[in-house]
Amino acid sequence: MHTRNNFWGVLILLIGAIAGAVITHAGIYHRLIIFTSLLIVISWIWAKLSIAKVELQRESRGERQQLGQVFEEQFTVSNVFPFSKSWIEIEDASRMLSTGSTRVLSAVRPNSVRNYSGYTLLSKRGEYALSPTIIYSGDPFGLFLNKKIIESHEQLLVLPFLFDLNRFQLPTGQLPGGTSLRRRTREVQPPNAAGIREYSAGDSLNRIHWPSTARRDRWMVKEFEQDPQADIWILLDAQSEVHVQVDVQPQDLDQIPLWWLHRSSYKLPADTFEYATSLAGSIARYFSRNGQVVGFASQAKQRIVLSSERGERQLKKILKTLSLLNPDGATPINSLIETQAAFLPRGSTVILITPTTQNSLMSAVVSLIQRGLNPLVILIDPSSFGRYYGASTIAENLKSWNVPHLVIRSGQDLKQVVEHGFTETQVKYTT
């Protein structure tokens, strides 16, 4: 229970009445003492009961949404108390920058239900708890304020801004069907069987080779080989020094019509890391949905490596990692490349996404080629984001080595650039 400003006025009046009664013994002061005392007691009881039997239900549609979408919540307030509530205020105290979630309801009748919606234009990646929600109410005289805090375990994951790719042109010879690499894989159903061996604890039953089991009178399971050219690795530069960031100002939904639930007019902020996460997430989704084996690595404060796998589960892991990733690393991308390259199967496609203009990137790309890996470089031009230097020198060096590359600039249509940015001459490696 909290006191409000009006309480101190009434308290001063009560103290003055007591002083007047002691000094003058006038009857008016005695009546004033009784009046102010009853007012305080009644107001306190009223405020105490003001949020009694008030129930709140907060529902949302989906636990994952993308940057630029409008997140909608439904609030249901129920008064199961046998008396009316003069007013109830519901405050959304979560970290979500919502509009309409805080609402004041007046004259809430007994056993009645009120509904309203709250909207949030998602402008920042991350994971947000959809709580706490605070219910306020008090007495009609404004002396006391009572509140109830309602916690919830629901969370919203805001994914990067994703765009739908219809094509992503890989260099010649990078399509599935290359030289086999005999190594064990965690894929549930890899494309090729390399041989058989005896069953060991933990092997899946769908790998049992029944003809060999019957012939040898003991459990035999299939071993699989994986085509290394089907592996797609996305390496994202998270070094703080090379990224250009701006403060994201939340857009006020009060100035947006409520029917604005599409993202056709949404534009990424002038932030190189937001462009990088959008590119990485969209490319990962494209290859995952086309049955490719996709892996991901980045170096922020800690190194993050998601081993290459197929399927929707892998895509969800990559998107969640991108949602929580921040450009706070101190390690340049060439160090990440050199460390990770030793663990990549020969023939893998390595997609590098970076705004760096350091010459060390070129030496790391050359080392990938020498290891039998196929690098593609997506350069985010820092000059278009306000820096005085650009990516033209790095782009020229990549062109001289016939390394497929793209240069992304602020304000460009990422879908259009990625689908049509690689020219025919760029997608052929020298032998």
Protein backbone atom coordinates (compact mmCIF):
# COMPACT_ATOMS: atom_id res chain seq x y z
CA MET A 1 0.00 0.00 0.00
CA HIS A 2 1.37 3.39 -1.03
CA THR A 3 0.26 6.83 0.11
CA ARG A 4 -0.52 9.51 -2.46
CA ASN A 5 -0.15 13.29 -2.30
CA ASN A 6 -3.73 13.82 -1.13
CA PHE A 7 -3.02 11.72 1.97
CA TRP A 8 -0.48 14.22 3.26
CA GLY A 9 -2.96 17.06 2.87
CA VAL A 10 -5.57 15.17 4.90
CA LEU A 11 -2.95 14.22 7.49
CA ILE A 12 -1.89 17.86 7.90
CA LEU A 13 -5.56 18.79 8.27
CA LEU A 14 -5.96 16.12 10.97
CA ILE A 15 -2.91 17.32 12.88
CA GLY A 16 -4.13 20.92 12.64
CA ALA A 17 -7.57 19.86 13.93
CA ILE A 18 -5.99 18.05 16.89
CA ALA A 19 -3.87 21.12 17.70
CA GLY A 20 -6.95 23.38 17.44
CA ALA A 21 -8.98 21.09 19.69
CA VAL A 22 -6.23 21.10 22.33
CA ILE A 23 -5.82 24.84 22.25
CA THR A 24 -9.40 26.11 21.85
CA HIS A 25 -11.56 23.10 22.71
CA ALA A 26 -13.91 24.25 19.91
CA GLY A 27 -16.44 21.66 18.72
CA ILE A 28 -15.65 22.21 15.06
CA TYR A 29 -12.17 20.81 15.59
CA HIS A 30 -13.57 17.68 17.23
CA ARG A 31 -15.90 17.13 14.28
CA LEU A 32 -12.99 17.74 11.89
CA ILE A 33 -10.87 15.15 13.75
CA ILE A 34 -13.65 12.57 13.42
CA PHE A 35 -14.20 13.38 9.75
CA THR A 36 -10.53 13.19 8.71
CA SER A 37 -9.92 10.04 10.79
CA LEU A 38 -12.90 8.27 9.19
CA LEU A 39 -11.80 9.46 5.77
CA ILE A 40 -8.33 7.93 6.23
CA VAL A 41 -9.68 4.64 7.62
CA ILE A 42 -12.39 4.25 4.96
CA SER A 43 -9.97 5.17 2.18
CA TRP A 44 -7.43 2.64 3.44
CA ILE A 45 -10.03 -0.16 3.57
CA TRP A 46 -11.37 0.85 0.15
CA ALA A 47 -7.89 0.80 -1.40
CA LYS A 48 -7.17 -2.55 0.25
CA LEU A 49 -10.24 -4.08 -1.35
CA SER A 50 -9.80 -2.25 -4.67
CA ILE A 51 -7.72 -5.01 -6.27
CA ALA A 52 -9.15 -7.92 -4.32
CA LYS A 53 -10.50 -10.67 -6.57
CA VAL A 54 -9.15 -8.99 -9.70
CA GLU A 55 -7.78 -11.52 -12.19
CA LEU A 56 -5.65 -10.83 -15.25
CA GLN A 57 -4.96 -13.09 -18.20
CA ARG A 58 -2.33 -12.10 -20.75
CA GLU A 59 -2.25 -14.04 -24.02
CA SER A 60 -0.02 -13.65 -27.06
CA ARG A 61 0.12 -15.17 -30.52
CA GLY A 62 3.31 -17.15 -30.97
CA GLU A 63 6.55 -17.23 -29.03
CA ARG A 64 8.77 -16.30 -32.00
CA GLN A 65 8.37 -13.28 -34.24
CA GLN A 66 10.64 -11.40 -36.58
CA LEU A 67 12.08 -7.94 -36.41
CA GLY A 68 9.67 -5.48 -38.01
CA GLN A 69 6.51 -7.41 -37.19
CA VAL A 70 3.73 -6.12 -34.95
CA PHE A 71 3.38 -8.25 -31.82
CA GLU A 72 -0.17 -8.42 -30.50
CA GLU A 73 -1.25 -9.34 -26.97
CA GLN A 74 -4.72 -9.84 -25.58
CA PHE A 75 -5.41 -8.69 -22.00
CA THR A 76 -8.45 -10.03 -20.13
CA VAL A 77 -9.35 -8.39 -16.80
CA SER A 78 -11.96 -10.08 -14.61
CA ASN A 79 -13.61 -8.67 -11.48
CA VAL A 80 -15.00 -11.57 -9.45
CA PHE A 81 -15.53 -9.36 -6.37
CA PRO A 82 -19.20 -8.77 -5.44
CA PHE A 83 -18.71 -4.99 -5.58
CA SER A 84 -17.75 -2.67 -8.44
CA LYS A 85 -14.25 -1.28 -8.86
CA SER A 86 -14.17 2.46 -9.45
CA TRP A 87 -11.00 2.23 -11.52
CA ILE A 88 -8.24 -0.27 -12.35
CA GLU A 89 -4.96 0.51 -14.10
CA ILE A 90 -3.01 -2.27 -15.84
CA GLU A 91 0.65 -1.49 -16.50
CA ASP A 92 2.92 -3.59 -18.71
CA ALA A 93 6.24 -3.52 -16.81
CA SER A 94 8.11 -5.84 -19.18
CA ARG A 95 11.04 -4.68 -21.30
CA MET A 96 8.82 -4.72 -24.39
CA LEU A 97 8.28 -1.22 -25.81
CA SER A 98 4.56 -1.74 -26.27
CA THR A 99 1.76 0.65 -27.08
CA GLY A 100 -1.69 0.13 -25.61
CA SER A 101 -0.63 -2.48 -23.04
CA THR A 102 -0.99 0.06 -20.23
CA ARG A 103 -4.68 0.87 -19.81
CA VAL A 104 -7.03 2.42 -17.24
CA LEU A 105 -10.45 0.80 -16.86
CA SER A 106 -13.23 2.65 -15.05
CA ALA A 107 -16.43 1.43 -13.40
CA VAL A 108 -15.63 -2.29 -13.59
CA ARG A 109 -18.82 -4.01 -12.51
CA PRO A 110 -18.90 -7.11 -10.29
CA ASN A 111 -18.49 -10.45 -12.09
CA SER A 112 -17.65 -8.66 -15.32
CA VAL A 113 -14.86 -9.12 -17.87
CA ARG A 114 -13.00 -6.44 -19.85
CA ASN A 115 -10.80 -7.14 -22.86
CA TYR A 116 -8.31 -5.02 -24.75
CA SER A 117 -5.29 -5.50 -27.03
CA GLY A 118 -1.72 -4.25 -26.78
CA TYR A 119 0.60 -3.82 -29.77
CA THR A 120 4.37 -3.69 -30.07
CA LEU A 121 6.36 -2.90 -33.21
CA LEU A 122 9.37 -5.18 -32.77
CA SER A 123 12.43 -3.03 -33.32
CA LYS A 124 15.17 -4.94 -31.50
CA ARG A 125 16.33 -8.54 -31.53
CA GLY A 126 16.46 -10.49 -28.30
CA GLU A 127 14.47 -12.54 -25.82
CA TYR A 128 11.89 -10.73 -23.72
CA ALA A 129 9.88 -11.89 -20.73
CA LEU A 130 6.21 -11.00 -21.08
CA SER A 131 6.02 -9.94 -17.47
CA PRO A 132 5.61 -8.53 -14.93
CA THR A 133 2.18 -6.97 -15.27
CA ILE A 134 1.16 -4.60 -12.47
CA ILE A 135 -2.43 -3.90 -11.46
CA TYR A 136 -3.05 -0.58 -9.66
CA SER A 137 -6.16 0.71 -7.93
CA GLY A 138 -7.10 2.82 -4.97
CA ASP A 139 -9.78 4.78 -3.16
CA PRO A 140 -11.88 7.45 -4.92
CA PHE A 141 -10.43 10.18 -2.70
CA GLY A 142 -6.88 9.59 -3.95
CA LEU A 143 -5.32 8.92 -0.55
CA PHE A 144 -3.92 5.40 -1.06
CA LEU A 145 -2.67 3.35 -3.99
CA ASN A 146 -2.64 -0.43 -3.93
CA LYS A 147 -0.93 -2.70 -6.45
CA LYS A 148 -0.63 -6.34 -7.37
CA ILE A 149 2.30 -7.75 -9.37
CA ILE A 150 1.53 -10.67 -11.68
CA GLU A 151 4.48 -12.69 -12.98
CA SER A 152 4.51 -14.90 -16.04
CA HIS A 153 6.98 -17.41 -17.47
CA GLU A 154 6.08 -16.67 -21.10
CA GLN A 155 8.83 -15.26 -23.30
CA LEU A 156 9.02 -13.76 -26.76
CA LEU A 157 12.00 -14.39 -29.01
CA VAL A 158 12.51 -11.62 -31.57
CA LEU A 159 14.29 -13.09 -34.59
CA PRO A 160 16.34 -11.10 -37.11
CA PHE A 161 14.57 -9.57 -40.07
CA LEU A 162 14.25 -12.44 -42.57
CA PHE A 163 13.57 -12.22 -46.28
CA ASP A 164 12.57 -15.08 -48.56
CA LEU A 165 15.27 -16.14 -51.01
CA ASN A 166 14.23 -17.92 -54.19
CA ARG A 167 17.78 -18.65 -55.30
CA PHE A 168 21.34 -18.46 -54.05
CA GLN A 169 23.88 -19.09 -56.76
CA LEU A 170 26.76 -21.27 -55.57
CA PRO A 171 30.10 -21.52 -57.40
CA THR A 172 30.40 -24.14 -60.13
CA GLY A 173 31.03 -27.58 -58.70
CA GLN A 174 29.59 -26.85 -55.29
CA LEU A 175 26.32 -28.66 -55.80
CA PRO A 176 25.86 -32.04 -54.07
CA GLY A 177 27.55 -34.96 -55.78
CA GLY A 178 31.25 -34.50 -55.14
CA THR A 179 33.88 -36.80 -53.68
CA SER A 180 32.68 -38.91 -50.75
CA LEU A 181 34.18 -38.45 -47.33
CA ARG A 182 33.92 -41.50 -45.11
CA ARG A 183 33.22 -40.17 -41.66
CA ARG A 184 30.48 -40.73 -39.14
CA THR A 185 27.66 -38.25 -39.15
CA ARG A 186 24.87 -37.35 -36.75
CA GLU A 187 22.36 -36.99 -39.57
CA VAL A 188 19.23 -39.07 -38.98
CA GLN A 189 19.06 -40.22 -42.59
CA PRO A 190 22.22 -39.35 -44.54
CA PRO A 191 22.18 -39.86 -48.29
CA ASN A 192 24.82 -42.59 -48.75
CA ALA A 193 25.73 -45.82 -46.91
CA ALA A 194 29.46 -46.51 -46.58
CA GLY A 195 29.37 -49.98 -44.99
CA ILE A 196 28.18 -52.01 -42.02
CA ARG A 197 29.47 -52.71 -38.52
CA GLU A 198 28.33 -54.37 -35.33
CA TYR A 199 25.62 -52.68 -33.28
CA SER A 200 26.73 -50.58 -30.32
CA ALA A 201 24.70 -48.98 -27.55
CA GLY A 202 23.02 -45.77 -28.71
CA ASP A 203 22.68 -46.69 -32.39
CA SER A 204 19.28 -45.94 -33.88
CA LEU A 205 17.13 -48.96 -34.71
CA ASN A 206 16.34 -47.58 -38.18
CA ARG A 207 20.02 -48.11 -39.09
CA ILE A 208 19.91 -51.87 -38.61
CA HIS A 209 20.86 -53.75 -41.78
CA TRP A 210 18.50 -56.70 -41.62
CA PRO A 211 20.03 -58.97 -44.33
CA SER A 212 23.47 -58.79 -42.67
CA THR A 213 21.90 -59.25 -39.22
CA ALA A 214 20.17 -62.45 -40.38
CA ARG A 215 23.25 -63.74 -42.17
CA ARG A 216 25.69 -63.15 -39.30
CA ASP A 217 23.23 -63.90 -36.50
CA ARG A 218 24.08 -60.68 -34.63
CA TRP A 219 22.97 -57.08 -34.86
CA MET A 220 24.60 -55.17 -37.72
CA VAL A 221 24.03 -51.50 -38.47
CA LYS A 222 24.78 -49.33 -41.48
CA GLU A 223 27.47 -46.65 -41.45
CA PHE A 224 26.94 -43.61 -43.60
CA GLU A 225 29.12 -41.32 -45.60
CA GLN A 226 28.33 -37.67 -46.03
CA ASP A 227 28.93 -35.61 -49.13
CA PRO A 228 31.13 -32.75 -47.90
CA GLN A 229 30.04 -30.50 -50.76
CA ALA A 230 26.55 -30.42 -49.26
CA ASP A 231 27.89 -28.67 -46.14
CA ILE A 232 27.16 -24.95 -45.91
CA TRP A 233 28.96 -23.01 -43.20
CA ILE A 234 28.01 -19.44 -42.29
CA LEU A 235 30.68 -17.44 -40.47
CA LEU A 236 29.48 -14.12 -39.04
CA ASP A 237 31.84 -11.35 -37.99
CA ALA A 238 30.89 -10.08 -34.49
CA GLN A 239 33.97 -7.95 -33.82
CA SER A 240 32.82 -4.71 -32.22
CA GLU A 241 35.55 -2.63 -33.87
CA VAL A 242 34.38 -3.19 -37.45
CA HIS A 243 30.63 -2.73 -37.00
CA VAL A 244 28.78 0.55 -37.30
CA GLN A 245 25.87 0.77 -34.88
CA VAL A 246 23.24 3.39 -34.23
CA ASP A 247 20.72 3.69 -31.43
CA VAL A 248 17.39 2.21 -32.49
CA GLN A 249 14.53 4.58 -31.75
CA PRO A 250 11.28 2.68 -31.17
CA GLN A 251 8.49 3.67 -33.51
CA ASP A 252 5.32 4.90 -31.84
CA LEU A 253 2.38 2.71 -32.77
CA ASP A 254 -0.01 5.52 -31.86
CA GLN A 255 0.88 7.00 -35.23
CA ILE A 256 0.41 3.73 -37.13
CA PRO A 257 -3.03 2.44 -38.09
CA LEU A 258 -3.92 -0.80 -36.32
CA TRP A 259 -4.45 -2.51 -39.67
CA TRP A 260 -0.71 -2.03 -40.32
CA LEU A 261 0.22 -5.64 -39.62
CA HIS A 262 2.44 -6.27 -42.63
CA ARG A 263 6.14 -5.47 -43.04
CA SER A 264 6.21 -4.12 -46.58
CA SER A 265 7.39 -0.69 -45.46
CA TYR A 266 9.78 -1.87 -42.72
CA LYS A 267 13.42 -0.97 -43.25
CA LEU A 268 16.40 -2.21 -41.34
CA PRO A 269 18.12 0.43 -39.19
CA ALA A 270 21.45 1.82 -40.39
CA ASP A 271 23.32 -0.81 -38.42
CA THR A 272 25.81 -3.14 -40.08
CA PHE A 273 25.22 -5.90 -37.53
CA GLU A 274 21.47 -5.90 -38.14
CA TYR A 275 22.21 -6.31 -41.84
CA ALA A 276 24.64 -9.13 -41.04
CA THR A 277 22.19 -11.08 -38.85
CA SER A 278 19.42 -10.59 -41.41
CA LEU A 279 21.64 -11.98 -44.17
CA ALA A 280 22.87 -14.90 -42.06
CA GLY A 281 19.37 -15.88 -40.94
CA SER A 282 17.82 -15.63 -44.41
CA ILE A 283 20.63 -17.63 -46.04
CA ALA A 284 20.47 -20.29 -43.32
CA ARG A 285 16.71 -20.60 -43.81
CA TYR A 286 17.09 -20.92 -47.58
CA PHE A 287 19.61 -23.77 -47.42
CA SER A 288 17.90 -25.55 -44.50
CA ARG A 289 14.59 -25.63 -46.33
CA ASN A 290 16.35 -26.98 -49.40
CA GLY A 291 17.69 -29.96 -47.46
CA GLN A 292 21.28 -28.72 -47.14
CA VAL A 293 23.53 -29.36 -44.17
CA VAL A 294 24.12 -25.99 -42.50
CA GLY A 295 26.57 -24.97 -39.77
CA PHE A 296 27.18 -21.65 -38.07
CA ALA A 297 30.07 -20.00 -36.23
CA SER A 298 30.78 -16.58 -34.78
CA GLN A 299 33.09 -14.98 -32.25
CA ALA A 300 31.47 -12.50 -29.87
CA LYS A 301 32.52 -12.41 -26.23
CA GLN A 302 32.53 -16.19 -26.51
CA ARG A 303 32.98 -18.42 -29.52
CA ILE A 304 29.74 -19.88 -30.81
CA VAL A 305 29.83 -22.96 -33.05
CA LEU A 306 26.74 -24.88 -34.16
CA SER A 307 27.81 -28.13 -35.80
CA SER A 308 26.44 -28.67 -39.29
CA GLU A 309 23.10 -30.48 -39.39
CA ARG A 310 20.00 -30.69 -41.50
CA GLY A 311 16.43 -29.85 -40.66
CA GLU A 312 14.15 -27.37 -38.98
CA ARG A 313 15.65 -28.00 -35.56
CA GLN A 314 19.04 -26.78 -36.76
CA LEU A 315 17.44 -23.71 -38.33
CA LYS A 316 15.72 -22.84 -35.05
CA LYS A 317 19.04 -23.09 -33.20
CA ILE A 318 20.75 -20.79 -35.70
CA LEU A 319 17.95 -18.21 -35.59
CA LYS A 320 17.87 -18.21 -31.80
CA THR A 321 21.65 -17.74 -31.71
CA LEU A 322 21.35 -14.80 -34.12
CA SER A 323 18.56 -13.30 -32.02
CA LEU A 324 20.76 -13.17 -28.92
CA LEU A 325 24.06 -12.39 -30.62
CA ASN A 326 25.69 -8.98 -30.08
CA PRO A 327 28.68 -7.38 -31.83
CA ASP A 328 30.82 -7.31 -28.70
CA GLY A 329 33.72 -9.51 -29.75
CA ALA A 330 37.38 -8.54 -29.82
CA THR A 331 38.59 -11.23 -32.25
CA PRO A 332 38.84 -10.40 -35.97
CA ILE A 333 37.10 -12.68 -38.41
CA ASN A 334 40.36 -14.01 -39.89
CA SER A 335 41.12 -15.66 -36.52
CA LEU A 336 37.66 -17.25 -36.52
CA ILE A 337 38.23 -18.50 -40.08
CA GLU A 338 41.65 -19.97 -39.34
CA THR A 339 40.41 -21.73 -36.21
CA GLN A 340 37.22 -23.07 -37.73
CA ALA A 341 38.70 -24.11 -41.11
CA ALA A 342 40.59 -27.00 -39.53
CA PHE A 343 37.29 -28.66 -38.58
CA LEU A 344 35.44 -28.17 -41.88
CA PRO A 345 35.18 -31.08 -44.33
CA ARG A 346 36.97 -30.56 -47.61
CA GLY A 347 34.68 -29.14 -50.28
CA SER A 348 32.39 -27.26 -47.88
CA THR A 349 31.00 -23.89 -48.88
CA VAL A 350 31.98 -21.18 -46.39
CA ILE A 351 29.87 -18.01 -46.49
CA LEU A 352 31.62 -15.11 -44.76
CA ILE A 353 29.52 -12.11 -43.69
CA THR A 354 31.56 -9.13 -42.53
CA PRO A 355 31.95 -5.35 -42.77
CA THR A 356 35.71 -5.56 -42.21
CA THR A 357 38.17 -3.81 -44.50
CA GLN A 358 41.27 -5.36 -42.93
CA ASN A 359 43.75 -7.00 -45.29
CA SER A 360 43.93 -10.04 -43.03
CA LEU A 361 40.54 -11.11 -44.40
CA MET A 362 42.11 -11.75 -47.80
CA SER A 363 44.83 -14.02 -46.41
CA ALA A 364 42.20 -16.01 -44.50
CA VAL A 365 40.12 -16.42 -47.66
CA VAL A 366 43.17 -17.66 -49.57
CA SER A 367 43.87 -20.19 -46.82
CA LEU A 368 40.32 -21.52 -47.21
CA ILE A 369 40.88 -22.06 -50.92
CA GLN A 370 44.18 -23.83 -50.23
CA ARG A 371 42.40 -26.18 -47.83
CA GLY A 372 39.96 -27.21 -50.55
CA LEU A 373 37.09 -25.12 -49.19
CA ASN A 374 34.90 -22.81 -51.26
CA PRO A 375 34.55 -19.34 -49.75
CA LEU A 376 31.87 -16.80 -50.62
CA VAL A 377 32.23 -13.35 -49.11
CA ILE A 378 29.39 -10.94 -48.38
CA LEU A 379 30.92 -7.54 -47.64
CA ILE A 380 28.82 -4.92 -45.86
CA ASP A 381 30.22 -1.60 -47.04
CA PRO A 382 30.88 0.57 -43.94
CA SER A 383 31.13 3.74 -46.04
CA SER A 384 27.39 3.57 -46.74
CA PHE A 385 26.77 3.51 -42.97
CA GLY A 386 28.72 6.68 -42.23
CA ARG A 387 32.33 5.50 -42.04
CA TYR A 388 34.99 7.31 -44.09
CA TYR A 389 36.42 4.06 -45.51
CA GLY A 390 34.76 1.48 -47.72
CA ALA A 391 35.07 -2.09 -48.99
CA SER A 392 36.25 -1.35 -52.52
CA THR A 393 39.86 -2.48 -51.95
CA ILE A 394 38.83 -5.80 -50.41
CA ALA A 395 36.32 -6.32 -53.22
CA GLU A 396 39.01 -5.77 -55.86
CA ASN A 397 41.32 -8.26 -54.15
CA LEU A 398 38.56 -10.86 -54.00
CA LYS A 399 37.81 -10.28 -57.67
CA SER A 400 41.47 -10.83 -58.60
CA TRP A 401 41.28 -14.25 -56.91
CA ASN A 402 37.94 -15.04 -58.58
CA VAL A 403 36.31 -15.36 -55.16
CA PRO A 404 32.52 -14.95 -55.36
CA HIS A 405 31.52 -11.90 -53.38
CA LEU A 406 28.78 -9.34 -52.84
CA VAL A 407 28.95 -5.78 -51.59
CA ILE A 408 25.93 -4.79 -49.49
CA ARG A 409 25.16 -1.11 -48.96
CA SER A 410 22.78 0.61 -46.60
CA GLY A 411 19.22 0.88 -47.85
CA GLN A 412 19.53 -1.81 -50.52
CA ASP A 413 16.95 -4.52 -51.11
CA LEU A 414 18.81 -7.49 -49.60
CA LYS A 415 16.68 -10.09 -51.36
CA GLN A 416 17.34 -8.55 -54.76
CA VAL A 417 21.08 -8.15 -54.16
CA VAL A 418 21.65 -11.68 -52.83
CA GLU A 419 19.59 -13.37 -55.56
CA HIS A 420 21.21 -11.48 -58.44
CA GLY A 421 24.46 -10.14 -57.02
CA PHE A 422 26.79 -12.94 -58.11
CA THR A 423 27.81 -12.63 -61.75
CA GLU A 424 28.69 -15.60 -63.96
CA THR A 425 32.37 -14.71 -63.87
CA GLN A 426 32.34 -14.53 -60.10
CA VAL A 427 31.03 -18.00 -59.49
CA LYS A 428 33.93 -19.90 -61.09
CA TYR A 429 37.04 -20.71 -59.12
CA THR A 430 40.45 -21.01 -60.70
CA THR A 431 41.96 -24.47 -60.62
